[in-house]
Full PDB file with SEQRES, HELIX, SHEET, SSBOND, CRYST1, ORIGX, SCALE, CONECT and MASTER records, all heavy atoms in Angstrom:
SEQRES   1 A   33  PRO THR GLY SER LEU ARG THR PRO ALA SER HIS LEU LEU          
SEQRES   2 A   33  PRO GLY ALA ALA ARG ALA ASN GLU LEU ILE GLY GLN MET          
SEQRES   3 A   33  THR VAL ARG PRO PHE ALA GLN                                  
HELIX    1 AA1 PRO A    8  LEU A   12  1                                   5    
HELIX    2 AA2 GLY A   15  ALA A   19  1                                   5    
HELIX    3 AA3 GLU A   21  THR A   27  1                                   7    
SHEET    1 AA1 2 SER A   4  ARG A   6  0                                        
SHEET    2 AA1 2 VAL A  28  PRO A  30 -1                                        
CRYST1    1.000    1.000    1.000  90.00  90.00  90.00 P 1           1          
ORIGX1      1.000000  0.000000  0.000000        0.00000                         
ORIGX2      0.000000  1.000000  0.000000        0.00000                         
ORIGX3      0.000000  0.000000  1.000000        0.00000                         
SCALE1      1.000000  0.000000  0.000000        0.00000                         
SCALE2      0.000000  1.000000  0.000000        0.00000                         
SCALE3      0.000000  0.000000  1.000000        0.00000                         
ATOM      1  N   PRO A   1      -4.163-116.180 106.107  1.00  0.00           N  
ATOM      2  CA  PRO A   1      -2.852-116.311 106.770  1.00  0.00           C  
ATOM      3  C   PRO A   1      -2.367-117.748 106.923  1.00  0.00           C  
ATOM      4  O   PRO A   1      -1.159-117.976 107.009  1.00  0.00           O  
ATOM      5  CB  PRO A   1      -3.092-115.667 108.136  1.00  0.00           C  
ATOM      6  CG  PRO A   1      -4.568-115.771 108.360  1.00  0.00           C  
ATOM      7  CD  PRO A   1      -5.177-115.615 107.002  1.00  0.00           C  
ATOM      8  N   THR A   2      -3.290-118.703 106.959  1.00  0.00           N  
ATOM      9  CA  THR A   2      -2.865-120.103 107.107  1.00  0.00           C  
ATOM     10  C   THR A   2      -2.741-120.818 105.768  1.00  0.00           C  
ATOM     11  O   THR A   2      -2.428-122.007 105.730  1.00  0.00           O  
ATOM     12  CB  THR A   2      -3.860-120.879 107.990  1.00  0.00           C  
ATOM     13  OG1 THR A   2      -5.166-120.819 107.393  1.00  0.00           O  
ATOM     14  CG2 THR A   2      -3.929-120.277 109.387  1.00  0.00           C  
ATOM     15  N   GLY A   3      -2.985-120.085 104.671  1.00  0.00           N  
ATOM     16  CA  GLY A   3      -2.953-120.705 103.350  1.00  0.00           C  
ATOM     17  C   GLY A   3      -1.539-120.880 102.834  1.00  0.00           C  
ATOM     18  O   GLY A   3      -0.582-120.261 103.305  1.00  0.00           O  
ATOM     19  N   SER A   4      -1.423-121.742 101.845  1.00  0.00           N  
ATOM     20  CA  SER A   4      -0.148-121.952 101.166  1.00  0.00           C  
ATOM     21  C   SER A   4      -0.423-122.463  99.761  1.00  0.00           C  
ATOM     22  O   SER A   4      -1.520-122.951  99.471  1.00  0.00           O  
ATOM     23  CB  SER A   4       0.734-122.952 101.924  1.00  0.00           C  
ATOM     24  OG  SER A   4       0.107-124.219 101.987  1.00  0.00           O  
ATOM     25  N   LEU A   5       0.556-122.326  98.904  1.00  0.00           N  
ATOM     26  CA  LEU A   5       0.446-122.769  97.522  1.00  0.00           C  
ATOM     27  C   LEU A   5       1.375-123.955  97.307  1.00  0.00           C  
ATOM     28  O   LEU A   5       2.597-123.833  97.461  1.00  0.00           O  
ATOM     29  CB  LEU A   5       0.821-121.636  96.564  1.00  0.00           C  
ATOM     30  CG  LEU A   5       0.914-122.012  95.091  1.00  0.00           C  
ATOM     31  CD1 LEU A   5      -0.472-122.354  94.540  1.00  0.00           C  
ATOM     32  CD2 LEU A   5       1.538-120.877  94.284  1.00  0.00           C  
ATOM     33  N   ARG A   6       0.797-125.100  96.955  1.00  0.00           N  
ATOM     34  CA  ARG A   6       1.607-126.268  96.602  1.00  0.00           C  
ATOM     35  C   ARG A   6       1.819-126.231  95.099  1.00  0.00           C  
ATOM     36  O   ARG A   6       0.919-126.487  94.321  1.00  0.00           O  
ATOM     37  CB  ARG A   6       0.911-127.559  97.036  1.00  0.00           C  
ATOM     38  CG  ARG A   6       1.735-128.817  96.772  1.00  0.00           C  
ATOM     39  CD  ARG A   6       1.110-130.038  97.414  1.00  0.00           C  
ATOM     40  NE  ARG A   6       1.176-129.968  98.864  1.00  0.00           N  
ATOM     41  CZ  ARG A   6       2.213-130.349  99.595  1.00  0.00           C  
ATOM     42  NH1 ARG A   6       3.316-130.811  98.983  1.00  0.00           N  
ATOM     43  NH2 ARG A   6       2.192-130.267 100.898  1.00  0.00           N  
ATOM     44  N   THR A   7       3.022-125.898  94.689  1.00  0.00           N  
ATOM     45  CA  THR A   7       3.313-125.664  93.285  1.00  0.00           C  
ATOM     46  C   THR A   7       3.502-126.983  92.536  1.00  0.00           C  
ATOM     47  O   THR A   7       3.754-128.030  93.141  1.00  0.00           O  
ATOM     48  CB  THR A   7       4.589-124.829  93.152  1.00  0.00           C  
ATOM     49  OG1 THR A   7       5.700-125.616  93.592  1.00  0.00           O  
ATOM     50  CG2 THR A   7       4.504-123.560  93.987  1.00  0.00           C  
ATOM     51  N   PRO A   8       3.402-126.950  91.191  1.00  0.00           N  
ATOM     52  CA  PRO A   8       3.662-128.162  90.402  1.00  0.00           C  
ATOM     53  C   PRO A   8       5.045-128.750  90.660  1.00  0.00           C  
ATOM     54  O   PRO A   8       5.230-129.970  90.608  1.00  0.00           O  
ATOM     55  CB  PRO A   8       3.523-127.680  88.962  1.00  0.00           C  
ATOM     56  CG  PRO A   8       2.615-126.499  89.044  1.00  0.00           C  
ATOM     57  CD  PRO A   8       2.919-125.846  90.357  1.00  0.00           C  
ATOM     58  N   ALA A   9       6.022-127.876  90.970  1.00  0.00           N  
ATOM     59  CA  ALA A   9       7.372-128.376  91.232  1.00  0.00           C  
ATOM     60  C   ALA A   9       7.394-129.314  92.432  1.00  0.00           C  
ATOM     61  O   ALA A   9       8.214-130.233  92.500  1.00  0.00           O  
ATOM     62  CB  ALA A   9       8.328-127.203  91.466  1.00  0.00           C  
ATOM     63  N   SER A  10       6.476-129.101  93.384  1.00  0.00           N  
ATOM     64  CA  SER A  10       6.453-129.962  94.568  1.00  0.00           C  
ATOM     65  C   SER A  10       5.995-131.376  94.226  1.00  0.00           C  
ATOM     66  O   SER A  10       6.281-132.319  94.970  1.00  0.00           O  
ATOM     67  CB  SER A  10       5.522-129.366  95.628  1.00  0.00           C  
ATOM     68  OG  SER A  10       4.170-129.404  95.207  1.00  0.00           O  
ATOM     69  N   HIS A  11       5.286-131.531  93.112  1.00  0.00           N  
ATOM     70  CA  HIS A  11       4.844-132.857  92.681  1.00  0.00           C  
ATOM     71  C   HIS A  11       5.849-133.514  91.727  1.00  0.00           C  
ATOM     72  O   HIS A  11       5.923-134.741  91.649  1.00  0.00           O  
ATOM     73  CB  HIS A  11       3.481-132.756  91.990  1.00  0.00           C  
ATOM     74  CG  HIS A  11       2.403-132.202  92.869  1.00  0.00           C  
ATOM     75  ND1 HIS A  11       1.825-132.909  93.899  1.00  0.00           N  
ATOM     76  CD2 HIS A  11       1.796-130.982  92.867  1.00  0.00           C  
ATOM     77  CE1 HIS A  11       0.903-132.169  94.493  1.00  0.00           C  
ATOM     78  NE2 HIS A  11       0.870-130.995  93.889  1.00  0.00           N  
ATOM     79  N   LEU A  12       6.608-132.699  90.996  1.00  0.00           N  
ATOM     80  CA  LEU A  12       7.511-133.232  89.989  1.00  0.00           C  
ATOM     81  C   LEU A  12       8.859-133.652  90.569  1.00  0.00           C  
ATOM     82  O   LEU A  12       9.491-134.569  90.041  1.00  0.00           O  
ATOM     83  CB  LEU A  12       7.727-132.191  88.884  1.00  0.00           C  
ATOM     84  CG  LEU A  12       6.468-131.800  88.082  1.00  0.00           C  
ATOM     85  CD1 LEU A  12       6.797-130.670  87.113  1.00  0.00           C  
ATOM     86  CD2 LEU A  12       5.931-133.006  87.323  1.00  0.00           C  
ATOM     87  N   LEU A  13       9.288-132.980  91.633  1.00  0.00           N  
ATOM     88  CA  LEU A  13      10.606-133.289  92.199  1.00  0.00           C  
ATOM     89  C   LEU A  13      10.556-134.594  92.982  1.00  0.00           C  
ATOM     90  O   LEU A  13       9.526-134.936  93.583  1.00  0.00           O  
ATOM     91  CB  LEU A  13      11.056-132.154  93.123  1.00  0.00           C  
ATOM     92  CG  LEU A  13      11.388-130.826  92.435  1.00  0.00           C  
ATOM     93  CD1 LEU A  13      11.691-129.758  93.470  1.00  0.00           C  
ATOM     94  CD2 LEU A  13      12.592-131.002  91.506  1.00  0.00           C  
ATOM     95  N   PRO A  14      11.675-135.323  93.004  1.00  0.00           N  
ATOM     96  CA  PRO A  14      11.709-136.563  93.796  1.00  0.00           C  
ATOM     97  C   PRO A  14      11.604-136.274  95.288  1.00  0.00           C  
ATOM     98  O   PRO A  14      11.896-135.157  95.749  1.00  0.00           O  
ATOM     99  CB  PRO A  14      13.064-137.168  93.432  1.00  0.00           C  
ATOM    100  CG  PRO A  14      13.880-136.022  92.935  1.00  0.00           C  
ATOM    101  CD  PRO A  14      12.930-135.078  92.281  1.00  0.00           C  
ATOM    102  N   GLY A  15      11.207-137.296  96.034  1.00  0.00           N  
ATOM    103  CA  GLY A  15      11.014-137.130  97.465  1.00  0.00           C  
ATOM    104  C   GLY A  15      12.247-136.655  98.195  1.00  0.00           C  
ATOM    105  O   GLY A  15      12.170-135.857  99.134  1.00  0.00           O  
ATOM    106  N   ALA A  16      13.424-137.132  97.775  1.00  0.00           N  
ATOM    107  CA  ALA A  16      14.663-136.725  98.428  1.00  0.00           C  
ATOM    108  C   ALA A  16      14.895-135.223  98.282  1.00  0.00           C  
ATOM    109  O   ALA A  16      15.368-134.557  99.207  1.00  0.00           O  
ATOM    110  CB  ALA A  16      15.835-137.497  97.837  1.00  0.00           C  
ATOM    111  N   ALA A  17      14.559-134.682  97.116  1.00  0.00           N  
ATOM    112  CA  ALA A  17      14.713-133.239  96.898  1.00  0.00           C  
ATOM    113  C   ALA A  17      13.711-132.461  97.727  1.00  0.00           C  
ATOM    114  O   ALA A  17      14.035-131.431  98.334  1.00  0.00           O  
ATOM    115  CB  ALA A  17      14.556-132.915  95.416  1.00  0.00           C  
ATOM    116  N   ARG A  18      12.466-132.938  97.765  1.00  0.00           N  
ATOM    117  CA  ARG A  18      11.438-132.234  98.526  1.00  0.00           C  
ATOM    118  C   ARG A  18      11.737-132.249 100.021  1.00  0.00           C  
ATOM    119  O   ARG A  18      11.305-131.365 100.767  1.00  0.00           O  
ATOM    120  CB  ARG A  18      10.069-132.856  98.277  1.00  0.00           C  
ATOM    121  CG  ARG A  18       9.568-132.731  96.851  1.00  0.00           C  
ATOM    122  CD  ARG A  18       8.071-132.980  96.786  1.00  0.00           C  
ATOM    123  NE  ARG A  18       7.701-134.255  97.378  1.00  0.00           N  
ATOM    124  CZ  ARG A  18       7.647-135.401  96.706  1.00  0.00           C  
ATOM    125  NH1 ARG A  18       7.946-135.416  95.410  1.00  0.00           N  
ATOM    126  NH2 ARG A  18       7.292-136.522  97.305  1.00  0.00           N  
ATOM    127  N   ALA A  19      12.477-133.249 100.478  1.00  0.00           N  
ATOM    128  CA  ALA A  19      12.815-133.340 101.897  1.00  0.00           C  
ATOM    129  C   ALA A  19      13.824-132.272 102.309  1.00  0.00           C  
ATOM    130  O   ALA A  19      13.923-131.941 103.492  1.00  0.00           O  
ATOM    131  CB  ALA A  19      13.367-134.724 102.214  1.00  0.00           C  
ATOM    132  N   ASN A  20      14.558-131.724 101.337  1.00  0.00           N  
ATOM    133  CA  ASN A  20      15.476-130.632 101.631  1.00  0.00           C  
ATOM    134  C   ASN A  20      14.682-129.409 102.103  1.00  0.00           C  
ATOM    135  O   ASN A  20      13.700-129.017 101.459  1.00  0.00           O  
ATOM    136  CB  ASN A  20      16.300-130.290 100.395  1.00  0.00           C  
ATOM    137  CG  ASN A  20      17.267-129.154 100.641  1.00  0.00           C  
ATOM    138  OD1 ASN A  20      16.921-127.986 100.538  1.00  0.00           O  
ATOM    139  ND2 ASN A  20      18.510-129.508 100.951  1.00  0.00           N  
ATOM    140  N   GLU A  21      15.089-128.803 103.205  1.00  0.00           N  
ATOM    141  CA  GLU A  21      14.319-127.711 103.794  1.00  0.00           C  
ATOM    142  C   GLU A  21      14.147-126.544 102.827  1.00  0.00           C  
ATOM    143  O   GLU A  21      13.047-126.012 102.663  1.00  0.00           O  
ATOM    144  CB  GLU A  21      15.005-127.226 105.074  1.00  0.00           C  
ATOM    145  CG  GLU A  21      14.241-126.111 105.776  1.00  0.00           C  
ATOM    146  CD  GLU A  21      14.943-125.635 107.038  1.00  0.00           C  
ATOM    147  OE1 GLU A  21      16.049-126.164 107.331  1.00  0.00           O  
ATOM    148  OE2 GLU A  21      14.407-124.751 107.718  1.00  0.00           O  
ATOM    149  N   LEU A  22      15.239-126.143 102.157  1.00  0.00           N  
ATOM    150  CA  LEU A  22      15.170-125.001 101.252  1.00  0.00           C  
ATOM    151  C   LEU A  22      14.273-125.304 100.063  1.00  0.00           C  
ATOM    152  O   LEU A  22      13.403-124.494  99.703  1.00  0.00           O  
ATOM    153  CB  LEU A  22      16.576-124.627 100.774  1.00  0.00           C  
ATOM    154  CG  LEU A  22      16.647-123.466  99.777  1.00  0.00           C  
ATOM    155  CD1 LEU A  22      16.110-122.191 100.393  1.00  0.00           C  
ATOM    156  CD2 LEU A  22      18.080-123.273  99.288  1.00  0.00           C  
ATOM    157  N   ILE A  23      14.452-126.463  99.445  1.00  0.00           N  
ATOM    158  CA  ILE A  23      13.633-126.816  98.283  1.00  0.00           C  
ATOM    159  C   ILE A  23      12.172-126.975  98.687  1.00  0.00           C  
ATOM    160  O   ILE A  23      11.256-126.568  97.948  1.00  0.00           O  
ATOM    161  CB  ILE A  23      14.166-128.106  97.634  1.00  0.00           C  
ATOM    162  CG1 ILE A  23      15.579-127.867  97.087  1.00  0.00           C  
ATOM    163  CG2 ILE A  23      13.239-128.577  96.519  1.00  0.00           C  
ATOM    164  CD1 ILE A  23      16.229-129.099  96.498  1.00  0.00           C  
ATOM    165  N   GLY A  24      11.938-127.536  99.871  1.00  0.00           N  
ATOM    166  CA  GLY A  24      10.567-127.654 100.346  1.00  0.00           C  
ATOM    167  C   GLY A  24       9.895-126.308 100.492  1.00  0.00           C  
ATOM    168  O   GLY A  24       8.720-126.131 100.125  1.00  0.00           O  
ATOM    169  N   GLN A  25      10.613-125.308 100.978  1.00  0.00           N  
ATOM    170  CA  GLN A  25      10.057-123.961 101.122  1.00  0.00           C  
ATOM    171  C   GLN A  25       9.811-123.308  99.767  1.00  0.00           C  
ATOM    172  O   GLN A  25       8.849-122.552  99.592  1.00  0.00           O  
ATOM    173  CB  GLN A  25      11.011-123.105 101.948  1.00  0.00           C  
ATOM    174  CG  GLN A  25      11.102-123.515 103.409  1.00  0.00           C  
ATOM    175  CD  GLN A  25      12.175-122.740 104.152  1.00  0.00           C  
ATOM    176  OE1 GLN A  25      13.096-122.192 103.539  1.00  0.00           O  
ATOM    177  NE2 GLN A  25      12.062-122.698 105.462  1.00  0.00           N  
ATOM    178  N   MET A  26      10.677-123.594  98.806  1.00  0.00           N  
ATOM    179  CA  MET A  26      10.508-123.008  97.476  1.00  0.00           C  
ATOM    180  C   MET A  26       9.271-123.536  96.764  1.00  0.00           C  
ATOM    181  O   MET A  26       8.628-122.812  95.994  1.00  0.00           O  
ATOM    182  CB  MET A  26      11.744-123.311  96.615  1.00  0.00           C  
ATOM    183  CG  MET A  26      13.012-122.605  97.019  1.00  0.00           C  
ATOM    184  SD  MET A  26      14.360-123.112  95.907  1.00  0.00           S  
ATOM    185  CE  MET A  26      15.722-122.166  96.571  1.00  0.00           C  
ATOM    186  N   THR A  27       8.937-124.791  96.998  1.00  0.00           N  
ATOM    187  CA  THR A  27       7.885-125.429  96.214  1.00  0.00           C  
ATOM    188  C   THR A  27       6.531-125.456  96.914  1.00  0.00           C  
ATOM    189  O   THR A  27       5.511-125.654  96.265  1.00  0.00           O  
ATOM    190  CB  THR A  27       8.292-126.866  95.852  1.00  0.00           C  
ATOM    191  OG1 THR A  27       8.587-127.590  97.058  1.00  0.00           O  
ATOM    192  CG2 THR A  27       9.520-126.860  94.960  1.00  0.00           C  
ATOM    193  N   VAL A  28       6.506-125.290  98.231  1.00  0.00           N  
ATOM    194  CA  VAL A  28       5.252-125.148  98.972  1.00  0.00           C  
ATOM    195  C   VAL A  28       5.332-123.809  99.697  1.00  0.00           C  
ATOM    196  O   VAL A  28       6.018-123.670 100.702  1.00  0.00           O  
ATOM    197  CB  VAL A  28       5.038-126.297  99.974  1.00  0.00           C  
ATOM    198  CG1 VAL A  28       3.712-126.114 100.709  1.00  0.00           C  
ATOM    199  CG2 VAL A  28       5.056-127.642  99.260  1.00  0.00           C  
ATOM    200  N   ARG A  29       4.631-122.811  99.171  1.00  0.00           N  
ATOM    201  CA  ARG A  29       4.866-121.433  99.572  1.00  0.00           C  
ATOM    202  C   ARG A  29       3.735-120.925 100.473  1.00  0.00           C  
ATOM    203  O   ARG A  29       2.590-120.802 100.042  1.00  0.00           O  
ATOM    204  CB  ARG A  29       5.007-120.553  98.337  1.00  0.00           C  
ATOM    205  CG  ARG A  29       6.008-121.101  97.316  1.00  0.00           C  
ATOM    206  CD  ARG A  29       6.248-120.120  96.215  1.00  0.00           C  
ATOM    207  NE  ARG A  29       7.011-118.976  96.672  1.00  0.00           N  
ATOM    208  CZ  ARG A  29       8.319-118.874  96.616  1.00  0.00           C  
ATOM    209  NH1 ARG A  29       9.046-119.878  96.151  1.00  0.00           N  
ATOM    210  NH2 ARG A  29       8.930-117.791  97.047  1.00  0.00           N  
ATOM    211  N   PRO A  30       4.052-120.596 101.712  1.00  0.00           N  
ATOM    212  CA  PRO A  30       3.033-120.052 102.616  1.00  0.00           C  
ATOM    213  C   PRO A  30       2.682-118.616 102.249  1.00  0.00           C  
ATOM    214  O   PRO A  30       3.493-117.898 101.651  1.00  0.00           O  
ATOM    215  CB  PRO A  30       3.714-120.121 103.983  1.00  0.00           C  
ATOM    216  CG  PRO A  30       5.180-120.008 103.666  1.00  0.00           C  
ATOM    217  CD  PRO A  30       5.366-120.713 102.347  1.00  0.00           C  
ATOM    218  N   PHE A  31       1.484-118.194 102.612  1.00  0.00           N  
ATOM    219  CA  PHE A  31       1.043-116.826 102.343  1.00  0.00           C  
ATOM    220  C   PHE A  31       1.477-115.852 103.444  1.00  0.00           C  
ATOM    221  O   PHE A  31       1.520-114.650 103.219  1.00  0.00           O  
ATOM    222  CB  PHE A  31      -0.474-116.767 102.206  1.00  0.00           C  
ATOM    223  CG  PHE A  31      -1.025-117.595 101.074  1.00  0.00           C  
ATOM    224  CD1 PHE A  31      -2.353-117.988 101.070  1.00  0.00           C  
ATOM    225  CD2 PHE A  31      -0.219-117.984 100.011  1.00  0.00           C  
ATOM    226  CE1 PHE A  31      -2.865-118.752 100.026  1.00  0.00           C  
ATOM    227  CE2 PHE A  31      -0.716-118.753  98.973  1.00  0.00           C  
ATOM    228  CZ  PHE A  31      -2.044-119.133  98.975  1.00  0.00           C  
ATOM    229  N   ALA A  32       1.741-116.383 104.627  1.00  0.00           N  
ATOM    230  CA  ALA A  32       2.098-115.518 105.758  1.00  0.00           C  
ATOM    231  C   ALA A  32       2.877-116.309 106.789  1.00  0.00           C  
ATOM    232  O   ALA A  32       2.815-117.545 106.825  1.00  0.00           O  
ATOM    233  CB  ALA A  32       0.837-114.923 106.393  1.00  0.00           C  
ATOM    234  N   GLN A  33       3.639-115.587 107.600  1.00  0.00           N  
ATOM    235  CA  GLN A  33       4.238-116.175 108.787  1.00  0.00           C  
ATOM    236  C   GLN A  33       3.227-116.047 109.915  1.00  0.00           C  
ATOM    237  O   GLN A  33       2.918-114.938 110.381  1.00  0.00           O  
ATOM    238  CB  GLN A  33       5.549-115.465 109.143  1.00  0.00           C  
ATOM    239  CG  GLN A  33       6.692-115.794 108.204  1.00  0.00           C  
ATOM    240  CD  GLN A  33       7.995-115.132 108.614  1.00  0.00           C  
ATOM    241  OE1 GLN A  33       8.800-114.784 107.771  1.00  0.00           O  
ATOM    242  NE2 GLN A  33       8.209-114.964 109.911  1.00  0.00           N  
TER     243      GLN A  33                                                      
MASTER        0    0    0    3    2    0    0    6  242    1    0    3          
END                                                                             
């Protein structure tokens, strides 16, 4: 439940993009709420 997947997109996108809340959620995906 506390796990998450840090996708390759989270490493390839610039920091400004990753700081966006929606993009951050898309690229680092939790397994559970």
